Amino acid sequence: MNRNIVIRIDLEGRGYDVVVGEDELDRVGEWIRTNTNLRGRYALITDTNVGRLYSERVSKSLEKSGFQGVKFEVPAGEGSKCLEMVGRCVDRMIESELDRTSFVVALGGGVVGDLAGFVAAVFYRGIPYVQIPTSVVAQVDSSVGGKTGVNSVLGKNLIGVFHQPSLVVADPKVLLTLADREYYEGFAEIVKHAILRAPDMLKKIKPSSREGLTELIAENIRIKAIIVQEDEKELSGKRALLNFGHTVGHAIEQAAGYGEWLHGEAVSMGMMVALRISRKVAGLSKEEELKIKSLLDILKLPTSLAKAPSTDKLMNAMRKDKKFKGGKVRFVLVRKIGDPYLSDEVTEKLVAETIEELRAI
């Protein structure tokens, strides 16, 4: 049997396990049966791409462990991350006679995880859910930590709640079926974690091979777990550090139209902006900025804003971001790799100037 790694997210009264290992997709039902208190019927929420590949395997595993349920497929893509789709899922769950003893299984990438988690949070005022992430972004980041929600037409992730899962099962073998673009974009979150907490992890990023990713994924989850345990609901500012690269990244996604830029692609550019601003105000060395740029280039992630929406559009999108207040934004900067901090001294003018600099590259 392949080795698996189990990481405990230790939250008072709401802790849960994250299981990372190859072929664990076939043991989802067993993990739910033995590692949670879930016993009711389930709603499996997936998308049209992931569903055709993996929903039958997951359903068989659930049935083998004695669980009965229904499956809903939503259209693949960021467009499904909206309130209208939440309503459709909730209506179908009611029509299928699911109740407060039921639970949701989220099978998919970040869009499905965020959507299904939010559906679970609002259905009958809240039922449990299980995350089965199938993208790099979801496995190393979005499936852990309890942030659920959907997009507004005015901004990304502006509608949502904190709702922790009961279990996360991440199978690295599902990443083999990702197209190159979807595979590489997920490494933006891995680079982010390395910049924030684990500089040595930068040496372990080897995108040329999709084999042997279990430990790298687990290391990222451990980093996310520590931060979530320290500041579950972003009250102290520690969890806000995970927004490194996301302030401008979310603006790019929204201004370009959801789906034009993949999340990791936008975060890559957001990190470039944050690194350049860090050089200007936080003392980050040019050498470290170029080190990260070179790695992002190797990962086939964008490092120039030449094809991004206009600076005016990006700034307008940023002003609607929940991190933006009074003409200033709570911007995550780094003094050096491994030494981040939350700054409220970054002005609109500085962000706009930096975007223009990176547009000219």
Protein backbone atom coordinates (compact mmCIF):
# COMPACT_ATOMS: atom_id res chain seq x y z
CA MET A 1 0.00 0.00 0.00
CA ASN A 2 1.27 3.48 -0.85
CA ARG A 3 2.34 5.64 2.05
CA ASN A 4 -0.06 8.33 3.14
CA ILE A 5 0.46 11.33 5.39
CA VAL A 6 -2.21 12.48 7.83
CA ILE A 7 -2.05 16.07 9.07
CA ARG A 8 -4.29 17.24 11.90
CA ILE A 9 -5.82 20.70 11.72
CA ASP A 10 -6.16 21.41 15.42
CA LEU A 11 -9.06 23.79 15.95
CA GLU A 12 -10.93 23.83 19.24
CA GLY A 13 -13.99 21.64 18.80
CA ARG A 14 -13.72 21.72 14.99
CA GLY A 15 -10.47 19.91 14.25
CA TYR A 16 -10.14 17.58 11.27
CA ASP A 17 -7.67 15.42 9.39
CA VAL A 18 -6.09 16.07 6.01
CA VAL A 19 -5.07 12.83 4.29
CA VAL A 20 -2.47 13.04 1.51
CA GLY A 21 -1.56 9.94 -0.47
CA GLU A 22 -1.72 8.21 -3.83
CA ASP A 23 -4.88 6.22 -4.59
CA GLU A 24 -6.63 7.57 -1.48
CA LEU A 25 -9.49 8.52 -3.78
CA ASP A 26 -10.60 4.90 -3.55
CA ARG A 27 -10.63 5.05 0.26
CA VAL A 28 -12.71 8.21 0.71
CA GLY A 29 -15.66 6.29 2.12
CA GLU A 30 -13.43 4.44 4.56
CA TRP A 31 -11.81 7.67 5.75
CA ILE A 32 -15.21 9.31 6.26
CA ARG A 33 -16.48 6.26 8.14
CA THR A 34 -13.48 6.00 10.46
CA ASN A 35 -12.30 9.60 10.85
CA THR A 36 -15.55 11.57 11.09
CA ASN A 37 -18.96 11.35 12.74
CA LEU A 38 -20.78 11.66 9.42
CA ARG A 39 -23.47 9.04 8.94
CA GLY A 40 -26.26 10.59 6.84
CA ARG A 41 -26.87 10.82 3.10
CA TYR A 42 -24.52 12.89 0.96
CA ALA A 43 -24.59 15.31 -1.96
CA LEU A 44 -21.55 14.92 -4.21
CA ILE A 45 -20.89 18.26 -5.91
CA THR A 46 -18.40 18.22 -8.77
CA ASP A 47 -17.95 19.84 -12.18
CA THR A 48 -18.34 18.56 -15.72
CA ASN A 49 -14.59 17.97 -16.19
CA VAL A 50 -13.76 16.28 -12.89
CA GLY A 51 -17.05 14.42 -12.66
CA ARG A 52 -16.48 12.31 -15.77
CA LEU A 53 -13.02 11.30 -14.51
CA TYR A 54 -13.48 10.62 -10.81
CA SER A 55 -17.07 10.82 -9.56
CA GLU A 56 -17.76 7.12 -10.18
CA ARG A 57 -14.69 6.07 -8.17
CA VAL A 58 -15.66 8.31 -5.26
CA SER A 59 -19.30 7.20 -5.35
CA LYS A 60 -18.27 3.53 -5.33
CA SER A 61 -16.01 4.15 -2.34
CA LEU A 62 -18.82 5.89 -0.47
CA GLU A 63 -21.31 3.16 -1.28
CA LYS A 64 -18.84 0.47 -0.21
CA SER A 65 -18.69 2.15 3.20
CA GLY A 66 -22.48 2.24 3.47
CA PHE A 67 -23.20 5.83 2.36
CA GLN A 68 -26.02 6.70 -0.02
CA GLY A 69 -26.37 9.97 -1.87
CA VAL A 70 -26.86 11.99 -5.04
CA LYS A 71 -24.49 13.68 -7.48
CA PHE A 72 -24.70 17.20 -8.92
CA GLU A 73 -22.44 18.44 -11.71
CA VAL A 74 -21.91 22.16 -12.30
CA PRO A 75 -20.32 23.63 -15.42
CA ALA A 76 -16.53 23.66 -15.15
CA GLY A 77 -14.94 27.07 -14.70
CA GLU A 78 -14.98 30.18 -12.55
CA GLY A 79 -18.41 31.14 -13.86
CA SER A 80 -19.99 28.52 -11.58
CA LYS A 81 -18.68 30.28 -8.50
CA CYS A 82 -21.75 32.49 -8.09
CA LEU A 83 -24.88 32.86 -5.97
CA GLU A 84 -27.09 31.57 -8.76
CA MET A 85 -25.23 28.24 -8.71
CA VAL A 86 -25.49 28.10 -4.91
CA GLY A 87 -29.25 28.42 -5.26
CA ARG A 88 -29.41 25.66 -7.87
CA CYS A 89 -27.40 23.26 -5.69
CA VAL A 90 -29.50 24.02 -2.60
CA ASP A 91 -32.74 23.55 -4.53
CA ARG A 92 -31.59 20.18 -5.88
CA MET A 93 -30.56 19.05 -2.42
CA ILE A 94 -34.01 19.97 -1.08
CA GLU A 95 -35.68 18.18 -4.01
CA SER A 96 -33.54 15.11 -3.27
CA GLU A 97 -34.83 15.15 0.33
CA LEU A 98 -31.45 15.69 1.93
CA ASP A 99 -31.74 17.04 5.46
CA ARG A 100 -29.73 18.36 8.40
CA THR A 101 -28.14 14.95 8.97
CA SER A 102 -26.72 14.98 5.43
CA PHE A 103 -23.30 16.12 4.30
CA VAL A 104 -21.67 17.52 1.16
CA VAL A 105 -18.70 16.01 -0.69
CA ALA A 106 -16.76 18.57 -2.74
CA LEU A 107 -14.93 16.83 -5.60
CA GLY A 108 -12.96 19.24 -7.72
CA GLY A 109 -10.60 22.18 -7.79
CA GLY A 110 -10.81 25.48 -5.96
CA VAL A 111 -14.03 26.60 -7.64
CA VAL A 112 -15.91 23.45 -6.65
CA GLY A 113 -14.39 23.43 -3.17
CA ASP A 114 -15.36 27.04 -2.47
CA LEU A 115 -18.82 26.63 -3.99
CA ALA A 116 -19.66 23.31 -2.33
CA GLY A 117 -18.30 24.47 1.02
CA PHE A 118 -20.53 27.54 0.86
CA VAL A 119 -23.52 25.40 -0.13
CA ALA A 120 -22.85 23.22 2.94
CA ALA A 121 -22.57 26.32 5.12
CA VAL A 122 -25.98 27.70 4.12
CA PHE A 123 -28.05 24.56 3.49
CA TYR A 124 -30.47 24.30 6.44
CA ARG A 125 -28.20 26.79 8.25
CA GLY A 126 -25.19 24.55 7.93
CA ILE A 127 -24.27 20.90 7.41
CA PRO A 128 -20.83 19.22 7.34
CA TYR A 129 -18.76 18.73 4.21
CA VAL A 130 -15.72 16.82 2.98
CA GLN A 131 -13.12 18.23 0.60
CA ILE A 132 -11.61 16.07 -2.15
CA PRO A 133 -9.36 18.54 -4.02
CA THR A 134 -8.31 17.62 -7.55
CA SER A 135 -6.07 20.56 -8.56
CA VAL A 136 -2.69 21.69 -7.27
CA VAL A 137 -4.16 24.96 -5.96
CA ALA A 138 -6.90 23.14 -4.09
CA GLN A 139 -4.62 20.45 -2.66
CA VAL A 140 -1.95 22.78 -1.30
CA ASP A 141 -4.15 25.70 -0.32
CA SER A 142 -7.87 26.28 -0.81
CA SER A 143 -9.22 22.96 0.50
CA VAL A 144 -7.71 23.61 3.94
CA GLY A 145 -8.74 26.39 6.28
CA GLY A 146 -12.49 26.72 5.97
CA LYS A 147 -12.78 29.70 3.64
CA THR A 148 -15.85 29.15 1.47
CA GLY A 149 -17.67 31.49 -0.85
CA VAL A 150 -18.48 32.78 -4.29
CA ASN A 151 -17.68 35.80 -6.43
CA SER A 152 -19.64 39.00 -6.79
CA VAL A 153 -19.74 40.75 -10.15
CA LEU A 154 -17.81 43.47 -8.33
CA GLY A 155 -15.04 41.33 -6.90
CA LYS A 156 -13.63 37.90 -6.15
CA ASN A 157 -14.60 35.98 -2.99
CA LEU A 158 -16.66 38.85 -1.58
CA ILE A 159 -19.56 36.57 -0.56
CA GLY A 160 -18.77 33.76 1.84
CA VAL A 161 -18.34 32.37 5.33
CA PHE A 162 -15.80 30.45 7.35
CA HIS A 163 -16.97 26.83 7.47
CA GLN A 164 -14.36 24.19 8.27
CA PRO A 165 -14.56 20.80 6.53
CA SER A 166 -14.87 17.56 8.47
CA LEU A 167 -12.15 15.86 6.40
CA VAL A 168 -9.86 16.56 3.45
CA VAL A 169 -8.56 13.77 1.20
CA ALA A 170 -5.89 14.81 -1.33
CA ASP A 171 -4.74 12.23 -3.89
CA PRO A 172 -1.71 13.48 -5.88
CA LYS A 173 -2.34 10.96 -8.67
CA VAL A 174 -5.37 12.93 -9.86
CA LEU A 175 -2.97 15.70 -10.87
CA LEU A 176 -1.70 13.48 -13.70
CA THR A 177 -4.83 14.27 -15.72
CA LEU A 178 -4.46 18.06 -15.53
CA ALA A 179 -3.51 19.98 -18.66
CA ASP A 180 -0.15 21.72 -18.38
CA ARG A 181 -1.65 25.17 -17.89
CA GLU A 182 -3.89 24.00 -15.02
CA TYR A 183 -1.05 22.01 -13.48
CA TYR A 184 1.55 24.77 -13.48
CA GLU A 185 -0.77 27.51 -12.25
CA GLY A 186 -1.12 25.70 -8.93
CA PHE A 187 2.56 26.10 -8.20
CA ALA A 188 2.00 29.82 -7.62
CA GLU A 189 0.53 28.92 -4.22
CA ILE A 190 3.50 26.66 -3.46
CA VAL A 191 5.90 29.49 -4.28
CA LYS A 192 3.80 31.79 -2.09
CA HIS A 193 4.07 29.44 0.90
CA ALA A 194 7.83 29.16 0.38
CA ILE A 195 8.21 32.94 0.30
CA LEU A 196 6.18 33.31 3.50
CA ARG A 197 7.39 30.46 5.70
CA ALA A 198 9.72 27.97 3.99
CA PRO A 199 12.55 29.40 1.86
CA ASP A 200 14.19 25.96 1.63
CA MET A 201 11.09 24.61 -0.13
CA LEU A 202 12.00 26.65 -3.20
CA LYS A 203 14.69 24.04 -3.94
CA LYS A 204 12.14 21.22 -3.83
CA ILE A 205 9.93 22.60 -6.57
CA LYS A 206 10.59 20.39 -9.61
CA PRO A 207 7.80 20.98 -12.09
CA SER A 208 9.25 18.70 -14.76
CA SER A 209 7.90 15.62 -12.95
CA ARG A 210 4.38 14.97 -11.68
CA GLU A 211 5.52 11.95 -9.68
CA GLY A 212 6.33 11.84 -5.99
CA LEU A 213 4.38 14.95 -4.99
CA THR A 214 2.95 13.58 -1.74
CA GLU A 215 5.55 15.11 0.57
CA LEU A 216 5.61 18.49 -1.22
CA ILE A 217 1.81 18.74 -0.99
CA ALA A 218 1.91 17.69 2.68
CA GLU A 219 4.58 20.29 3.47
CA ASN A 220 2.39 23.03 2.02
CA ILE A 221 -0.61 21.82 3.99
CA ARG A 222 1.46 21.88 7.19
CA ILE A 223 2.35 25.52 6.51
CA LYS A 224 -1.30 26.39 5.86
CA ALA A 225 -2.36 24.44 8.97
CA ILE A 226 0.00 26.34 11.26
CA ILE A 227 -1.27 29.70 10.01
CA VAL A 228 -4.95 28.68 10.18
CA GLN A 229 -4.49 27.38 13.73
CA GLU A 230 -2.87 30.67 14.75
CA ASP A 231 -5.55 32.89 13.22
CA GLU A 232 -8.54 30.96 11.90
CA LYS A 233 -10.70 33.97 10.95
CA GLU A 234 -8.03 36.57 10.10
CA LEU A 235 -8.48 38.48 13.34
CA SER A 236 -4.84 38.91 14.37
CA GLY A 237 -3.39 39.53 10.91
CA LYS A 238 -1.34 36.32 10.80
CA ARG A 239 -3.66 34.55 8.36
CA ALA A 240 -3.81 37.69 6.23
CA LEU A 241 -0.19 36.94 5.27
CA LEU A 242 -1.60 34.20 3.03
CA ASN A 243 -2.94 37.02 0.84
CA PHE A 244 0.59 37.63 -0.49
CA GLY A 245 0.13 38.25 -4.22
CA HIS A 246 -3.64 38.04 -3.99
CA THR A 247 -4.51 41.74 -3.71
CA VAL A 248 -3.47 42.52 -7.28
CA GLY A 249 -4.08 38.90 -8.32
CA HIS A 250 -7.79 39.08 -7.49
CA ALA A 251 -8.00 42.45 -9.27
CA ILE A 252 -6.55 40.89 -12.43
CA GLU A 253 -9.07 38.02 -12.32
CA GLN A 254 -12.01 40.35 -11.83
CA ALA A 255 -10.97 43.06 -14.30
CA ALA A 256 -10.12 40.59 -17.07
CA GLY A 257 -13.33 38.62 -16.57
CA TYR A 258 -13.39 35.47 -14.47
CA GLY A 259 -11.72 32.58 -16.27
CA GLU A 260 -9.53 34.64 -18.61
CA TRP A 261 -6.64 34.33 -16.16
CA LEU A 262 -6.35 31.21 -14.04
CA HIS A 263 -6.07 31.92 -10.33
CA GLY A 264 -2.42 30.91 -10.10
CA GLU A 265 -1.50 32.98 -13.15
CA ALA A 266 -3.05 36.06 -11.59
CA VAL A 267 -1.39 35.34 -8.23
CA SER A 268 1.96 34.99 -10.01
CA MET A 269 1.60 38.53 -11.33
CA GLY A 270 0.31 39.73 -7.98
CA MET A 271 3.42 38.33 -6.33
CA MET A 272 5.61 40.14 -8.85
CA VAL A 273 3.91 43.41 -7.90
CA ALA A 274 4.27 42.63 -4.19
CA LEU A 275 7.96 41.74 -4.61
CA ARG A 276 8.69 44.95 -6.51
CA ILE A 277 6.90 47.04 -3.87
CA SER A 278 8.83 45.11 -1.21
CA ARG A 279 12.05 46.24 -2.88
CA LYS A 280 10.88 49.84 -2.76
CA VAL A 281 9.65 50.02 0.84
CA ALA A 282 10.66 46.88 2.75
CA GLY A 283 14.29 46.39 1.80
CA LEU A 284 13.91 43.22 -0.27
CA SER A 285 17.01 42.68 -2.38
CA LYS A 286 16.93 42.72 -6.17
CA GLU A 287 18.66 39.33 -6.07
CA GLU A 288 15.76 37.74 -4.17
CA GLU A 289 13.17 39.34 -6.42
CA LEU A 290 14.93 37.94 -9.49
CA LYS A 291 15.27 34.53 -7.83
CA ILE A 292 11.49 34.29 -7.52
CA LYS A 293 10.95 35.67 -11.03
CA SER A 294 13.27 33.03 -12.50
CA LEU A 295 11.37 30.27 -10.71
CA LEU A 296 8.01 31.59 -11.90
CA ASP A 297 9.41 31.69 -15.47
CA ILE A 298 10.48 28.04 -15.16
CA LEU A 299 6.97 27.22 -13.95
CA LYS A 300 5.55 28.86 -17.10
CA LEU A 301 3.75 31.45 -15.00
CA PRO A 302 3.39 35.08 -16.15
CA THR A 303 5.83 37.66 -14.79
CA SER A 304 4.87 40.59 -17.01
CA LEU A 305 1.67 42.61 -16.90
CA ALA A 306 1.88 43.47 -20.60
CA LYS A 307 -1.30 41.52 -21.39
CA ALA A 308 -3.20 42.44 -18.23
CA PRO A 309 -6.19 44.81 -18.15
CA SER A 310 -5.45 48.53 -17.98
CA THR A 311 -4.04 49.98 -14.80
CA ASP A 312 -7.23 52.00 -14.29
CA LYS A 313 -9.32 48.81 -14.47
CA LEU A 314 -7.02 47.04 -12.04
CA MET A 315 -7.10 49.91 -9.56
CA ASN A 316 -10.91 50.10 -9.76
CA ALA A 317 -11.10 46.37 -9.06
CA MET A 318 -8.71 46.72 -6.14
CA ARG A 319 -10.84 49.44 -4.55
CA LYS A 320 -13.68 46.92 -4.20
CA ASP A 321 -11.43 44.37 -2.53
CA LYS A 322 -12.20 43.60 1.11
CA LYS A 323 -8.56 44.38 2.00
CA PHE A 324 -8.81 47.95 0.66
CA LYS A 325 -9.68 50.78 3.05
CA GLY A 326 -9.48 54.57 2.83
CA GLY A 327 -7.19 54.79 -0.18
CA LYS A 328 -4.74 52.30 1.30
CA VAL A 329 -4.59 48.54 1.14
CA ARG A 330 -3.45 46.01 3.71
CA PHE A 331 -0.63 44.78 1.53
CA VAL A 332 1.56 41.78 2.36
CA LEU A 333 5.22 42.60 1.81
CA VAL A 334 8.47 40.74 2.49
CA ARG A 335 11.68 42.15 3.97
CA LYS A 336 13.37 39.02 2.67
CA ILE A 337 12.20 35.58 1.63
CA GLY A 338 10.78 34.02 4.78
CA ASP A 339 10.12 37.35 6.54
CA PRO A 340 6.67 38.70 5.56
CA TYR A 341 4.64 41.40 7.25
CA LEU A 342 1.33 43.19 6.79
CA SER A 343 1.71 46.82 5.75
CA ASP A 344 -0.97 49.52 5.68
CA GLU A 345 1.41 52.09 4.16
CA VAL A 346 1.08 51.02 0.52
CA THR A 347 -0.73 53.74 -1.41
CA GLU A 348 -2.77 53.56 -4.57
CA LYS A 349 -0.14 55.66 -6.32
CA LEU A 350 2.63 53.23 -5.45
CA VAL A 351 0.61 50.23 -6.63
CA ALA A 352 -0.31 51.95 -9.90
CA GLU A 353 3.30 52.98 -10.56
CA THR A 354 4.51 49.45 -9.91
CA ILE A 355 1.89 47.92 -12.19
CA GLU A 356 3.05 50.26 -14.96
CA GLU A 357 6.68 49.21 -14.40
CA LEU A 358 5.79 45.54 -14.73
CA ARG A 359 3.61 46.25 -17.75
CA ALA A 360 6.71 47.52 -19.57
CA ILE A 361 8.70 44.31 -19.03
